[in-house]
Structure formats: C-alpha cells, structure tokens
PDB file of N, CA and C in Angstrom:
ATOM      1  N   MET A   1      56.470  15.220-100.163  1.00  0.00           N
ATOM      2  CA  MET A   1      55.757  15.818 -99.052  1.00  0.00           C
ATOM      3  C   MET A   1      56.643  15.785 -97.810  1.00  0.00           C
ATOM      4  N   THR A   2      56.567  16.840 -97.023  1.00  0.00           N
ATOM      5  CA  THR A   2      57.264  16.895 -95.741  1.00  0.00           C
ATOM      6  C   THR A   2      56.257  17.277 -94.663  1.00  0.00           C
ATOM      7  N   TYR A   3      56.742  17.384 -93.465  1.00  0.00           N
ATOM      8  CA  TYR A   3      55.900  17.797 -92.347  1.00  0.00           C
ATOM      9  C   TYR A   3      56.268  19.213 -91.938  1.00  0.00           C
ATOM     10  N   VAL A   4      55.302  19.896 -91.329  1.00  0.00           N
ATOM     11  CA  VAL A   4      55.441  21.304 -90.969  1.00  0.00           C
ATOM     12  C   VAL A   4      54.972  21.480 -89.528  1.00  0.00           C
ATOM     13  N   VAL A   5      55.716  22.259 -88.767  1.00  0.00           N
ATOM     14  CA  VAL A   5      55.284  22.616 -87.418  1.00  0.00           C
ATOM     15  C   VAL A   5      54.450  23.886 -87.533  1.00  0.00           C
ATOM     16  N   THR A   6      53.289  23.871 -86.923  1.00  0.00           N
ATOM     17  CA  THR A   6      52.353  24.982 -87.035  1.00  0.00           C
ATOM     18  C   THR A   6      52.223  25.754 -85.717  1.00  0.00           C
ATOM     19  N   GLU A   7      51.322  26.697 -85.735  1.00  0.00           N
ATOM     20  CA  GLU A   7      51.141  27.666 -84.656  1.00  0.00           C
ATOM     21  C   GLU A   7      51.003  27.084 -83.254  1.00  0.00           C
ATOM     22  N   ASN A   8      50.380  25.938 -83.113  1.00  0.00           N
ATOM     23  CA  ASN A   8      50.131  25.462 -81.750  1.00  0.00           C
ATOM     24  C   ASN A   8      51.401  25.071 -80.997  1.00  0.00           C
ATOM     25  N   CYS A   9      52.523  24.950 -81.699  1.00  0.00           N
ATOM     26  CA  CYS A   9      53.785  24.679 -81.005  1.00  0.00           C
ATOM     27  C   CYS A   9      54.261  25.896 -80.204  1.00  0.00           C
ATOM     28  N   ILE A  10      53.885  27.077 -80.653  1.00  0.00           N
ATOM     29  CA  ILE A  10      54.353  28.299 -79.995  1.00  0.00           C
ATOM     30  C   ILE A  10      53.923  28.315 -78.528  1.00  0.00           C
ATOM     31  N   ARG A  11      54.907  28.495 -77.677  1.00  0.00           N
ATOM     32  CA  ARG A  11      54.759  28.555 -76.221  1.00  0.00           C
ATOM     33  C   ARG A  11      54.371  27.222 -75.594  1.00  0.00           C
ATOM     34  N   CYS A  12      54.260  26.173 -76.409  1.00  0.00           N
ATOM     35  CA  CYS A  12      54.066  24.819 -75.881  1.00  0.00           C
ATOM     36  C   CYS A  12      55.408  24.091 -75.933  1.00  0.00           C
ATOM     37  N   LYS A  13      55.956  23.947 -77.130  1.00  0.00           N
ATOM     38  CA  LYS A  13      57.296  23.387 -77.338  1.00  0.00           C
ATOM     39  C   LYS A  13      57.561  22.186 -76.426  1.00  0.00           C
ATOM     40  N   PHE A  14      56.718  21.158 -76.588  1.00  0.00           N
ATOM     41  CA  PHE A  14      56.852  19.955 -75.756  1.00  0.00           C
ATOM     42  C   PHE A  14      58.089  19.131 -76.105  1.00  0.00           C
ATOM     43  N   MET A  15      58.471  19.089 -77.356  1.00  0.00           N
ATOM     44  CA  MET A  15      59.701  18.447 -77.841  1.00  0.00           C
ATOM     45  C   MET A  15      59.681  16.934 -77.861  1.00  0.00           C
ATOM     46  N   ASP A  16      58.543  16.290 -77.670  1.00  0.00           N
ATOM     47  CA  ASP A  16      58.472  14.832 -77.762  1.00  0.00           C
ATOM     48  C   ASP A  16      58.864  14.365 -79.162  1.00  0.00           C
ATOM     49  N   CYS A  17      58.598  15.182 -80.142  1.00  0.00           N
ATOM     50  CA  CYS A  17      58.822  14.845 -81.547  1.00  0.00           C
ATOM     51  C   CYS A  17      60.294  14.704 -81.909  1.00  0.00           C
ATOM     52  N   VAL A  18      61.159  15.456 -81.281  1.00  0.00           N
ATOM     53  CA  VAL A  18      62.557  15.483 -81.707  1.00  0.00           C
ATOM     54  C   VAL A  18      63.274  14.161 -81.478  1.00  0.00           C
ATOM     55  N   GLU A  19      62.912  13.446 -80.451  1.00  0.00           N
ATOM     56  CA  GLU A  19      63.608  12.198 -80.150  1.00  0.00           C
ATOM     57  C   GLU A  19      63.255  11.059 -81.087  1.00  0.00           C
ATOM     58  N   VAL A  20      62.122  11.133 -81.745  1.00  0.00           N
ATOM     59  CA  VAL A  20      61.737  10.045 -82.655  1.00  0.00           C
ATOM     60  C   VAL A  20      62.170  10.302 -84.092  1.00  0.00           C
ATOM     61  N   CYS A  21      62.619  11.496 -84.399  1.00  0.00           N
ATOM     62  CA  CYS A  21      63.003  11.838 -85.772  1.00  0.00           C
ATOM     63  C   CYS A  21      64.284  11.111 -86.167  1.00  0.00           C
ATOM     64  N   PRO A  22      64.227  10.259 -87.207  1.00  0.00           N
ATOM     65  CA  PRO A  22      65.426   9.496 -87.590  1.00  0.00           C
ATOM     66  C   PRO A  22      66.476  10.323 -88.321  1.00  0.00           C
ATOM     67  N   VAL A  23      66.130  11.532 -88.762  1.00  0.00           N
ATOM     68  CA  VAL A  23      67.091  12.346 -89.505  1.00  0.00           C
ATOM     69  C   VAL A  23      67.421  13.677 -88.814  1.00  0.00           C
ATOM     70  N   ASP A  24      66.956  13.848 -87.594  1.00  0.00           N
ATOM     71  CA  ASP A  24      67.272  15.044 -86.806  1.00  0.00           C
ATOM     72  C   ASP A  24      67.001  16.338 -87.578  1.00  0.00           C
ATOM     73  N   CYS A  25      65.783  16.475 -88.086  1.00  0.00           N
ATOM     74  CA  CYS A  25      65.459  17.658 -88.895  1.00  0.00           C
ATOM     75  C   CYS A  25      64.713  18.735 -88.116  1.00  0.00           C
ATOM     76  N   PHE A  26      64.711  18.665 -86.784  1.00  0.00           N
ATOM     77  CA  PHE A  26      64.064  19.690 -85.967  1.00  0.00           C
ATOM     78  C   PHE A  26      65.076  20.748 -85.542  1.00  0.00           C
ATOM     79  N   TYR A  27      64.610  21.987 -85.554  1.00  0.00           N
ATOM     80  CA  TYR A  27      65.426  23.115 -85.146  1.00  0.00           C
ATOM     81  C   TYR A  27      64.632  23.886 -84.109  1.00  0.00           C
ATOM     82  N   ALA A  28      65.333  24.432 -83.123  1.00  0.00           N
ATOM     83  CA  ALA A  28      64.654  24.968 -81.952  1.00  0.00           C
ATOM     84  C   ALA A  28      64.853  26.457 -81.772  1.00  0.00           C
ATOM     85  N   GLY A  29      63.713  27.121 -81.625  1.00  0.00           N
ATOM     86  CA  GLY A  29      63.712  28.523 -81.252  1.00  0.00           C
ATOM     87  C   GLY A  29      63.427  28.640 -79.771  1.00  0.00           C
ATOM     88  N   GLU A  30      63.381  29.837 -79.312  1.00  0.00           N
ATOM     89  CA  GLU A  30      63.128  30.100 -77.901  1.00  0.00           C
ATOM     90  C   GLU A  30      61.800  29.513 -77.435  1.00  0.00           C
ATOM     91  N   ASN A  31      60.758  29.585 -78.286  1.00  0.00           N
ATOM     92  CA  ASN A  31      59.458  29.081 -77.839  1.00  0.00           C
ATOM     93  C   ASN A  31      58.717  28.252 -78.894  1.00  0.00           C
ATOM     94  N   MET A  32      59.450  27.726 -79.885  1.00  0.00           N
ATOM     95  CA  MET A  32      58.839  26.913 -80.932  1.00  0.00           C
ATOM     96  C   MET A  32      59.896  26.047 -81.600  1.00  0.00           C
ATOM     97  N   LEU A  33      59.453  24.937 -82.155  1.00  0.00           N
ATOM     98  CA  LEU A  33      60.303  24.095 -82.985  1.00  0.00           C
ATOM     99  C   LEU A  33      59.879  24.261 -84.435  1.00  0.00           C
ATOM    100  N   VAL A  34      60.791  23.982 -85.360  1.00  0.00           N
ATOM    101  CA  VAL A  34      60.458  23.936 -86.776  1.00  0.00           C
ATOM    102  C   VAL A  34      61.126  22.710 -87.391  1.00  0.00           C
ATOM    103  N   ILE A  35      60.626  22.308 -88.545  1.00  0.00           N
ATOM    104  CA  ILE A  35      61.188  21.192 -89.304  1.00  0.00           C
ATOM    105  C   ILE A  35      61.856  21.759 -90.548  1.00  0.00           C
ATOM    106  N   HIS A  36      63.078  21.323 -90.809  1.00  0.00           N
ATOM    107  CA  HIS A  36      63.754  21.757 -92.034  1.00  0.00           C
ATOM    108  C   HIS A  36      63.173  20.958 -93.193  1.00  0.00           C
ATOM    109  N   PRO A  37      62.498  21.626 -94.137  1.00  0.00           N
ATOM    110  CA  PRO A  37      61.809  20.901 -95.200  1.00  0.00           C
ATOM    111  C   PRO A  37      62.730  20.134 -96.140  1.00  0.00           C
ATOM    112  N   ASP A  38      63.991  20.530 -96.251  1.00  0.00           N
ATOM    113  CA  ASP A  38      64.922  19.816 -97.119  1.00  0.00           C
ATOM    114  C   ASP A  38      65.535  18.605 -96.434  1.00  0.00           C
ATOM    115  N   GLU A  39      65.353  18.492 -95.136  1.00  0.00           N
ATOM    116  CA  GLU A  39      65.908  17.364 -94.390  1.00  0.00           C
ATOM    117  C   GLU A  39      64.853  16.337 -94.016  1.00  0.00           C
ATOM    118  N   CYS A  40      63.603  16.745 -93.926  1.00  0.00           N
ATOM    119  CA  CYS A  40      62.506  15.843 -93.564  1.00  0.00           C
ATOM    120  C   CYS A  40      62.340  14.776 -94.649  1.00  0.00           C
ATOM    121  N   ILE A  41      62.231  13.522 -94.230  1.00  0.00           N
ATOM    122  CA  ILE A  41      62.084  12.418 -95.190  1.00  0.00           C
ATOM    123  C   ILE A  41      60.654  11.907 -95.266  1.00  0.00           C
ATOM    124  N   ASP A  42      59.723  12.630 -94.675  1.00  0.00           N
ATOM    125  CA  ASP A  42      58.306  12.293 -94.769  1.00  0.00           C
ATOM    126  C   ASP A  42      57.969  10.944 -94.139  1.00  0.00           C
ATOM    127  N   CYS A  43      58.660  10.598 -93.083  1.00  0.00           N
ATOM    128  CA  CYS A  43      58.365   9.308 -92.433  1.00  0.00           C
ATOM    129  C   CYS A  43      57.115   9.400 -91.564  1.00  0.00           C
ATOM    130  N   GLY A  44      56.827  10.590 -91.039  1.00  0.00           N
ATOM    131  CA  GLY A  44      55.615  10.808 -90.264  1.00  0.00           C
ATOM    132  C   GLY A  44      55.651  10.363 -88.819  1.00  0.00           C
ATOM    133  N   VAL A  45      56.780   9.893 -88.318  1.00  0.00           N
ATOM    134  CA  VAL A  45      56.805   9.421 -86.929  1.00  0.00           C
ATOM    135  C   VAL A  45      56.659  10.547 -85.908  1.00  0.00           C
ATOM    136  N   CYS A  46      56.963  11.769 -86.298  1.00  0.00           N
ATOM    137  CA  CYS A  46      56.868  12.889 -85.367  1.00  0.00           C
ATOM    138  C   CYS A  46      55.428  13.327 -85.116  1.00  0.00           C
ATOM    139  N   GLU A  47      54.597  13.224 -86.117  1.00  0.00           N
ATOM    140  CA  GLU A  47      53.232  13.762 -86.025  1.00  0.00           C
ATOM    141  C   GLU A  47      52.451  13.211 -84.832  1.00  0.00           C
ATOM    142  N   PRO A  48      52.381  11.883 -84.634  1.00  0.00           N
ATOM    143  CA  PRO A  48      51.600  11.383 -83.493  1.00  0.00           C
ATOM    144  C   PRO A  48      52.263  11.621 -82.136  1.00  0.00           C
ATOM    145  N   GLU A  49      53.541  11.975 -82.137  1.00  0.00           N
ATOM    146  CA  GLU A  49      54.251  12.210 -80.874  1.00  0.00           C
ATOM    147  C   GLU A  49      54.012  13.599 -80.299  1.00  0.00           C
ATOM    148  N   CYS A  50      53.472  14.502 -81.101  1.00  0.00           N
ATOM    149  CA  CYS A  50      53.291  15.887 -80.660  1.00  0.00           C
ATOM    150  C   CYS A  50      52.044  16.028 -79.790  1.00  0.00           C
ATOM    151  N   PRO A  51      52.205  16.293 -78.488  1.00  0.00           N
ATOM    152  CA  PRO A  51      51.047  16.454 -77.607  1.00  0.00           C
ATOM    153  C   PRO A  51      50.157  17.640 -77.999  1.00  0.00           C
ATOM    154  N   ALA A  52      50.738  18.619 -78.683  1.00  0.00           N
ATOM    155  CA  ALA A  52      49.981  19.806 -79.073  1.00  0.00           C
ATOM    156  C   ALA A  52      49.333  19.656 -80.452  1.00  0.00           C
ATOM    157  N   GLN A  53      49.579  18.534 -81.108  1.00  0.00           N
ATOM    158  CA  GLN A  53      49.064  18.297 -82.463  1.00  0.00           C
ATOM    159  C   GLN A  53      49.425  19.455 -83.383  1.00  0.00           C
ATOM    160  N   ALA A  54      50.662  19.920 -83.262  1.00  0.00           N
ATOM    161  CA  ALA A  54      51.140  21.062 -84.034  1.00  0.00           C
ATOM    162  C   ALA A  54      51.874  20.662 -85.306  1.00  0.00           C
ATOM    163  N   ILE A  55      52.067  19.373 -85.538  1.00  0.00           N
ATOM    164  CA  ILE A  55      52.789  18.901 -86.719  1.00  0.00           C
ATOM    165  C   ILE A  55      51.788  18.332 -87.714  1.00  0.00           C
ATOM    166  N   VAL A  56      51.877  18.843 -88.946  1.00  0.00           N
ATOM    167  CA  VAL A  56      50.965  18.396 -89.998  1.00  0.00           C
ATOM    168  C   VAL A  56      51.746  18.133 -91.278  1.00  0.00           C
ATOM    169  N   PRO A  57      51.203  17.286 -92.172  1.00  0.00           N
ATOM    170  CA  PRO A  57      51.837  17.133 -93.482  1.00  0.00           C
ATOM    171  C   PRO A  57      51.706  18.432 -94.270  1.00  0.00           C
ATOM    172  N   ASP A  58      52.615  18.667 -95.192  1.00  0.00           N
ATOM    173  CA  ASP A  58      52.549  19.925 -95.942  1.00  0.00           C
ATOM    174  C   ASP A  58      51.340  20.007 -96.866  1.00  0.00           C
ATOM    175  N   SER A  59      50.594  18.931 -96.986  1.00  0.00           N
ATOM    176  CA  SER A  59      49.356  18.946 -97.773  1.00  0.00           C
ATOM    177  C   SER A  59      48.146  19.385 -96.938  1.00  0.00           C
ATOM    178  N   ASP A  60      48.324  19.518 -95.638  1.00  0.00           N
ATOM    179  CA  ASP A  60      47.250  19.948 -94.742  1.00  0.00           C
ATOM    180  C   ASP A  60      46.918  21.425 -94.990  1.00  0.00           C
ATOM    181  N   ALA A  61      45.674  21.784 -94.795  1.00  0.00           N
ATOM    182  CA  ALA A  61      45.230  23.165 -95.019  1.00  0.00           C
ATOM    183  C   ALA A  61      45.967  24.178 -94.143  1.00  0.00           C
ATOM    184  N   ALA A  62      46.440  23.758 -92.967  1.00  0.00           N
ATOM    185  CA  ALA A  62      47.142  24.678 -92.069  1.00  0.00           C
ATOM    186  C   ALA A  62      48.609  24.874 -92.455  1.00  0.00           C
ATOM    187  N   ALA A  63      49.146  24.026 -93.301  1.00  0.00           N
ATOM    188  CA  ALA A  63      50.577  24.040 -93.593  1.00  0.00           C
ATOM    189  C   ALA A  63      51.091  25.250 -94.371  1.00  0.00           C
ATOM    190  N   PRO A  64      50.408  25.713 -95.428  1.00  0.00           N
ATOM    191  CA  PRO A  64      50.999  26.781 -96.235  1.00  0.00           C
ATOM    192  C   PRO A  64      51.433  28.020 -95.448  1.00  0.00           C
ATOM    193  N   ALA A  65      50.683  28.405 -94.469  1.00  0.00           N
ATOM    194  CA  ALA A  65      51.029  29.592 -93.681  1.00  0.00           C
ATOM    195  C   ALA A  65      52.299  29.387 -92.858  1.00  0.00           C
ATOM    196  N   TRP A  66      52.717  28.152 -92.665  1.00  0.00           N
ATOM    197  CA  TRP A  66      53.850  27.841 -91.791  1.00  0.00           C
ATOM    198  C   TRP A  66      55.052  27.247 -92.511  1.00  0.00           C
ATOM    199  N   THR A  67      54.893  26.899 -93.768  1.00  0.00           N
ATOM    200  CA  THR A  67      55.982  26.264 -94.510  1.00  0.00           C
ATOM    201  C   THR A  67      57.206  27.167 -94.605  1.00  0.00           C
ATOM    202  N   GLU A  68      57.021  28.412 -94.991  1.00  0.00           N
ATOM    203  CA  GLU A  68      58.160  29.323 -95.126  1.00  0.00           C
ATOM    204  C   GLU A  68      58.748  29.683 -93.763  1.00  0.00           C
ATOM    205  N   ILE A  69      57.923  29.773 -92.744  1.00  0.00           N
ATOM    206  CA  ILE A  69      58.419  30.028 -91.390  1.00  0.00           C
ATOM    207  C   ILE A  69      59.321  28.877 -90.940  1.00  0.00           C
ATOM    208  N   ASN A  70      58.905  27.630 -91.222  1.00  0.00           N
ATOM    209  CA  ASN A  70      59.743  26.478 -90.887  1.00  0.00           C
ATOM    210  C   ASN A  70      61.077  26.557 -91.621  1.00  0.00           C
ATOM    211  N   ARG A  71      61.037  26.844 -92.914  1.00  0.00           N
ATOM    212  CA  ARG A  71      62.273  26.930 -93.706  1.00  0.00           C
ATOM    213  C   ARG A  71      63.179  28.056 -93.178  1.00  0.00           C
ATOM    214  N   GLN A  72      62.612  29.215 -92.976  1.00  0.00           N
ATOM    215  CA  GLN A  72      63.387  30.372 -92.532  1.00  0.00           C
ATOM    216  C   GLN A  72      64.117  30.095 -91.220  1.00  0.00           C
ATOM    217  N   TYR A  73      63.371  29.635 -90.222  1.00  0.00           N
ATOM    218  CA  TYR A  73      63.989  29.458 -88.914  1.00  0.00           C
ATOM    219  C   TYR A  73      64.849  28.199 -88.814  1.00  0.00           C
ATOM    220  N   ALA A  74      64.579  27.205 -89.644  1.00  0.00           N
ATOM    221  CA  ALA A  74      65.448  26.016 -89.661  1.00  0.00           C
ATOM    222  C   ALA A  74      66.855  26.393 -90.116  1.00  0.00           C
ATOM    223  N   ASN A  75      66.952  27.453 -90.891  1.00  0.00           N
ATOM    224  CA  ASN A  75      68.263  27.921 -91.342  1.00  0.00           C
ATOM    225  C   ASN A  75      68.937  28.863 -90.350  1.00  0.00           C
ATOM    226  N   LEU A  76      68.225  29.238 -89.293  1.00  0.00           N
ATOM    227  CA  LEU A  76      68.779  30.169 -88.306  1.00  0.00           C
ATOM    228  C   LEU A  76      68.964  29.558 -86.918  1.00  0.00           C
ATOM    229  N   TRP A  77      68.066  28.675 -86.554  1.00  0.00           N
ATOM    230  CA  TRP A  77      68.070  28.123 -85.202  1.00  0.00           C
ATOM    231  C   TRP A  77      68.929  26.871 -85.107  1.00  0.00           C
ATOM    232  N   PRO A  78      69.360  26.496 -83.892  1.00  0.00           N
ATOM    233  CA  PRO A  78      70.170  25.295 -83.716  1.00  0.00           C
ATOM    234  C   PRO A  78      69.347  24.011 -83.877  1.00  0.00           C
ATOM    235  N   ASN A  79      70.036  22.985 -84.341  1.00  0.00           N
ATOM    236  CA  ASN A  79      69.414  21.669 -84.465  1.00  0.00           C
ATOM    237  C   ASN A  79      69.120  21.117 -83.080  1.00  0.00           C
ATOM    238  N   MET A  80      68.009  20.397 -82.958  1.00  0.00           N
ATOM    239  CA  MET A  80      67.651  19.788 -81.682  1.00  0.00           C
ATOM    240  C   MET A  80      67.282  18.332 -81.934  1.00  0.00           C
ATOM    241  N   ASN A  81      67.929  17.427 -81.205  1.00  0.00           N
ATOM    242  CA  ASN A  81      67.624  16.012 -81.380  1.00  0.00           C
ATOM    243  C   ASN A  81      67.355  15.298 -80.064  1.00  0.00           C
ATOM    244  N   ARG A  82      67.296  16.046 -78.990  1.00  0.00           N
ATOM    245  CA  ARG A  82      66.949  15.484 -77.677  1.00  0.00           C
ATOM    246  C   ARG A  82      65.890  16.345 -77.019  1.00  0.00           C
ATOM    247  N   LYS A  83      64.972  15.673 -76.381  1.00  0.00           N
ATOM    248  CA  LYS A  83      63.904  16.394 -75.697  1.00  0.00           C
ATOM    249  C   LYS A  83      64.476  17.197 -74.539  1.00  0.00           C
ATOM    250  N   GLY A  84      64.072  18.430 -74.467  1.00  0.00           N
ATOM    251  CA  GLY A  84      64.447  19.290 -73.365  1.00  0.00           C
ATOM    252  C   GLY A  84      63.255  19.466 -72.438  1.00  0.00           C
ATOM    253  N   THR A  85      63.332  20.450 -71.604  1.00  0.00           N
ATOM    254  CA  THR A  85      62.257  20.745 -70.668  1.00  0.00           C
ATOM    255  C   THR A  85      61.290  21.732 -71.306  1.00  0.00           C
ATOM    256  N   PRO A  86      60.018  21.345 -71.444  1.00  0.00           N
ATOM    257  CA  PRO A  86      59.045  22.286 -72.019  1.00  0.00           C
ATOM    258  C   PRO A  86      58.848  23.489 -71.091  1.00  0.00           C
ATOM    259  N   PRO A  87      58.309  24.563 -71.623  1.00  0.00           N
ATOM    260  CA  PRO A  87      58.025  25.719 -70.769  1.00  0.00           C
ATOM    261  C   PRO A  87      57.081  25.321 -69.626  1.00  0.00           C
ATOM    262  N   PRO A  88      57.230  25.905 -68.471  1.00  0.00           N
ATOM    263  CA  PRO A  88      56.400  25.524 -67.329  1.00  0.00           C
ATOM    264  C   PRO A  88      54.903  25.751 -67.557  1.00  0.00           C
ATOM    265  N   ASP A  89      54.568  26.689 -68.434  1.00  0.00           N
ATOM    266  CA  ASP A  89      53.154  26.969 -68.705  1.00  0.00           C
ATOM    267  C   ASP A  89      52.680  26.392 -70.043  1.00  0.00           C
ATOM    268  N   ALA A  90      53.381  25.381 -70.557  1.00  0.00           N
ATOM    269  CA  ALA A  90      53.058  24.802 -71.864  1.00  0.00           C
ATOM    270  C   ALA A  90      51.611  24.320 -71.953  1.00  0.00           C
ATOM    271  N   GLU A  91      51.148  23.633 -70.942  1.00  0.00           N
ATOM    272  CA  GLU A  91      49.770  23.121 -70.978  1.00  0.00           C
ATOM    273  C   GLU A  91      48.742  24.248 -71.042  1.00  0.00           C
ATOM    274  N   GLU A  92      49.038  25.361 -70.393  1.00  0.00           N
ATOM    275  CA  GLU A  92      48.120  26.494 -70.429  1.00  0.00           C
ATOM    276  C   GLU A  92      48.006  27.094 -71.832  1.00  0.00           C
ATOM    277  N   TRP A  93      49.076  27.000 -72.634  1.00  0.00           N
ATOM    278  CA  TRP A  93      49.096  27.551 -73.982  1.00  0.00           C
ATOM    279  C   TRP A  93      48.586  26.568 -75.033  1.00  0.00           C
ATOM    280  N   ASN A  94      48.561  25.294 -74.689  1.00  0.00           N
ATOM    281  CA  ASN A  94      48.159  24.268 -75.654  1.00  0.00           C
ATOM    282  C   ASN A  94      46.725  24.501 -76.130  1.00  0.00           C
ATOM    283  N   GLY A  95      46.568  24.666 -77.436  1.00  0.00           N
ATOM    284  CA  GLY A  95      45.248  24.838 -78.026  1.00  0.00           C
ATOM    285  C   GLY A  95      44.744  26.261 -78.116  1.00  0.00           C
ATOM    286  N   LYS A  96      45.475  27.222 -77.561  1.00  0.00           N
ATOM    287  CA  LYS A  96      45.026  28.616 -77.644  1.00  0.00           C
ATOM    288  C   LYS A  96      45.196  29.124 -79.080  1.00  0.00           C
ATOM    289  N   PRO A  97      44.202  29.787 -79.616  1.00  0.00           N
ATOM    290  CA  PRO A  97      44.323  30.352 -80.966  1.00  0.00           C
ATOM    291  C   PRO A  97      45.106  31.659 -80.956  1.00  0.00           C
ATOM    292  N   GLY A  98      45.542  32.071 -82.118  1.00  0.00           N
ATOM    293  CA  GLY A  98      46.190  33.371 -82.263  1.00  0.00           C
ATOM    294  C   GLY A  98      47.553  33.484 -81.620  1.00  0.00           C
ATOM    295  N   LYS A  99      48.321  32.409 -81.630  1.00  0.00           N
ATOM    296  CA  LYS A  99      49.617  32.451 -80.963  1.00  0.00           C
ATOM    297  C   LYS A  99      50.748  32.965 -81.851  1.00  0.00           C
ATOM    298  N   LYS A 100      50.494  33.182 -83.130  1.00  0.00           N
ATOM    299  CA  LYS A 100      51.562  33.612 -84.032  1.00  0.00           C
ATOM    300  C   LYS A 100      52.254  34.879 -83.532  1.00  0.00           C
ATOM    301  N   GLU A 101      51.508  35.781 -82.934  1.00  0.00           N
ATOM    302  CA  GLU A 101      52.107  37.019 -82.424  1.00  0.00           C
ATOM    303  C   GLU A 101      53.137  36.753 -81.324  1.00  0.00           C
ATOM    304  N   TRP A 102      53.097  35.579 -80.712  1.00  0.00           N
ATOM    305  CA  TRP A 102      54.016  35.232 -79.629  1.00  0.00           C
ATOM    306  C   TRP A 102      55.275  34.531 -80.135  1.00  0.00           C
ATOM    307  N   LEU A 103      55.363  34.255 -81.440  1.00  0.00           N
ATOM    308  CA  LEU A 103      56.529  33.570 -81.999  1.00  0.00           C
ATOM    309  C   LEU A 103      57.780  34.415 -81.798  1.00  0.00           C
ATOM    310  N   SER A 104      58.740  33.859 -81.099  1.00  0.00           N
ATOM    311  CA  SER A 104      60.004  34.552 -80.864  1.00  0.00           C
ATOM    312  C   SER A 104      60.996  34.173 -81.958  1.00  0.00           C
ATOM    313  N   PRO A 105      61.694  35.142 -82.551  1.00  0.00           N
ATOM    314  CA  PRO A 105      62.707  34.831 -83.549  1.00  0.00           C
ATOM    315  C   PRO A 105      64.026  34.371 -82.925  1.00  0.00           C
ATOM    316  N   ASN A 106      64.106  34.402 -81.612  1.00  0.00           N
ATOM    317  CA  ASN A 106      65.337  34.048 -80.912  1.00  0.00           C
ATOM    318  C   ASN A 106      65.570  32.539 -80.922  1.00  0.00           C
ATOM    319  N   PRO A 107      66.825  32.123 -81.008  1.00  0.00           N
ATOM    320  CA  PRO A 107      67.137  30.697 -80.976  1.00  0.00           C
ATOM    321  C   PRO A 107      66.974  30.103 -79.579  1.00  0.00           C
ATOM    322  N   HIS A 108      66.851  28.794 -79.558  1.00  0.00           N
ATOM    323  CA  HIS A 108      66.799  28.043 -78.302  1.00  0.00           C
ATOM    324  C   HIS A 108      68.131  28.203 -77.590  1.00  0.00           C
ATOM    325  N   LEU A 109      68.081  28.406 -76.310  1.00  0.00           N
ATOM    326  CA  LEU A 109      69.303  28.462 -75.509  1.00  0.00           C
ATOM    327  C   LEU A 109      69.450  27.137 -74.795  1.00  0.00           C
ATOM    328  N   PRO A 110      70.638  26.535 -74.855  1.00  0.00           N
ATOM    329  CA  PRO A 110      70.836  25.253 -74.187  1.00  0.00           C
ATOM    330  C   PRO A 110      70.498  25.333 -72.705  1.00  0.00           C
ATOM    331  N   GLU A 111      69.930  24.256 -72.213  1.00  0.00           N
ATOM    332  CA  GLU A 111      69.603  24.202 -70.789  1.00  0.00           C
ATOM    333  C   GLU A 111      70.879  23.973 -69.991  1.00  0.00           C
ATOM    334  N   THR A 112      70.893  24.537 -68.824  1.00  0.00           N
ATOM    335  CA  THR A 112      72.026  24.307 -67.931  1.00  0.00           C
ATOM    336  C   THR A 112      71.588  23.349 -66.838  1.00  0.00           C
ATOM    337  N   ALA A 113      72.517  22.813 -66.124  1.00  0.00           N
ATOM    338  CA  ALA A 113      72.197  21.910 -65.021  1.00  0.00           C
ATOM    339  C   ALA A 113      71.305  22.620 -64.006  1.00  0.00           C
ATOM    340  N   ASP A 114      71.552  23.921 -63.803  1.00  0.00           N
ATOM    341  CA  ASP A 114      70.741  24.678 -62.860  1.00  0.00           C
ATOM    342  C   ASP A 114      69.303  24.814 -63.306  1.00  0.00           C
ATOM    343  N   ALA A 115      69.096  24.940 -64.620  1.00  0.00           N
ATOM    344  CA  ALA A 115      67.738  25.137 -65.142  1.00  0.00           C
ATOM    345  C   ALA A 115      66.895  23.886 -64.995  1.00  0.00           C
ATOM    346  N   LYS A 116      67.531  22.710 -64.921  1.00  0.00           N
ATOM    347  CA  LYS A 116      66.797  21.447 -64.830  1.00  0.00           C
ATOM    348  C   LYS A 116      66.348  21.141 -63.404  1.00  0.00           C
ATOM    349  N   SER A 117      66.990  21.712 -62.444  1.00  0.00           N
ATOM    350  CA  SER A 117      66.644  21.382 -61.065  1.00  0.00           C
ATOM    351  C   SER A 117      65.554  22.245 -60.522  1.00  0.00           C
TER     352      SER A 117
END
C-alpha cells in the first residue's frame, strides 16, 4: 500500500507533507503535489501533516481516481523535499469540491528570493 494525493491539494498545495517524508517521494506541479507510488514506503507520516487532508492511503475510496494521476505527474514534475510558500489563496480553496478542472499539468517553478519577500 502507498499513499495518494487527491483533489483537495489542487490550488492549496500547503507542502507541510514534503518535509516529513523520509524518502522524498513528493513531486511538485504548479498547483498540486503528487506522491510517486514506486518510491512511497507506506510509512504514513505525511497523511496527518496535510492541512487540506488531501493525502489518503491507496485503499481509501477516493484513491483510485488519483492513483494514475500521481504516477503520471511524479514522472514529469520535479522532486520536492522542502516546504515552499503555499499559494496566497490556499485557504480559500481548501475543501472546495470539483477542483480537478483546475489541475495544472505544468511543473512547479522554483521560488526566487524576490517571490519570498
């Protein structure tokens, strides 16, 4: 069993989960994170760290719709192992249904010093 990032991460992307992952299996898109299913060791430390409750075990009813999306984008997006700055409107998006249409296929762009200030 592995863990899967689901729809509620879209446009929230809090990133608290990436710093606790002992195997660095998170990959970052422009507005969502995914877990590489072949790298996840099923430790579960990421699940309680997600403020959006977007991480579930692959046995969860919400997982099947997101398992292939996690695999696909984990092979395209850059690895992320440090928390970055969440989107400024992340809290407004947290818990909103129907966010799949907002999933961007674009990779995460590294933050610059200017973007942090």
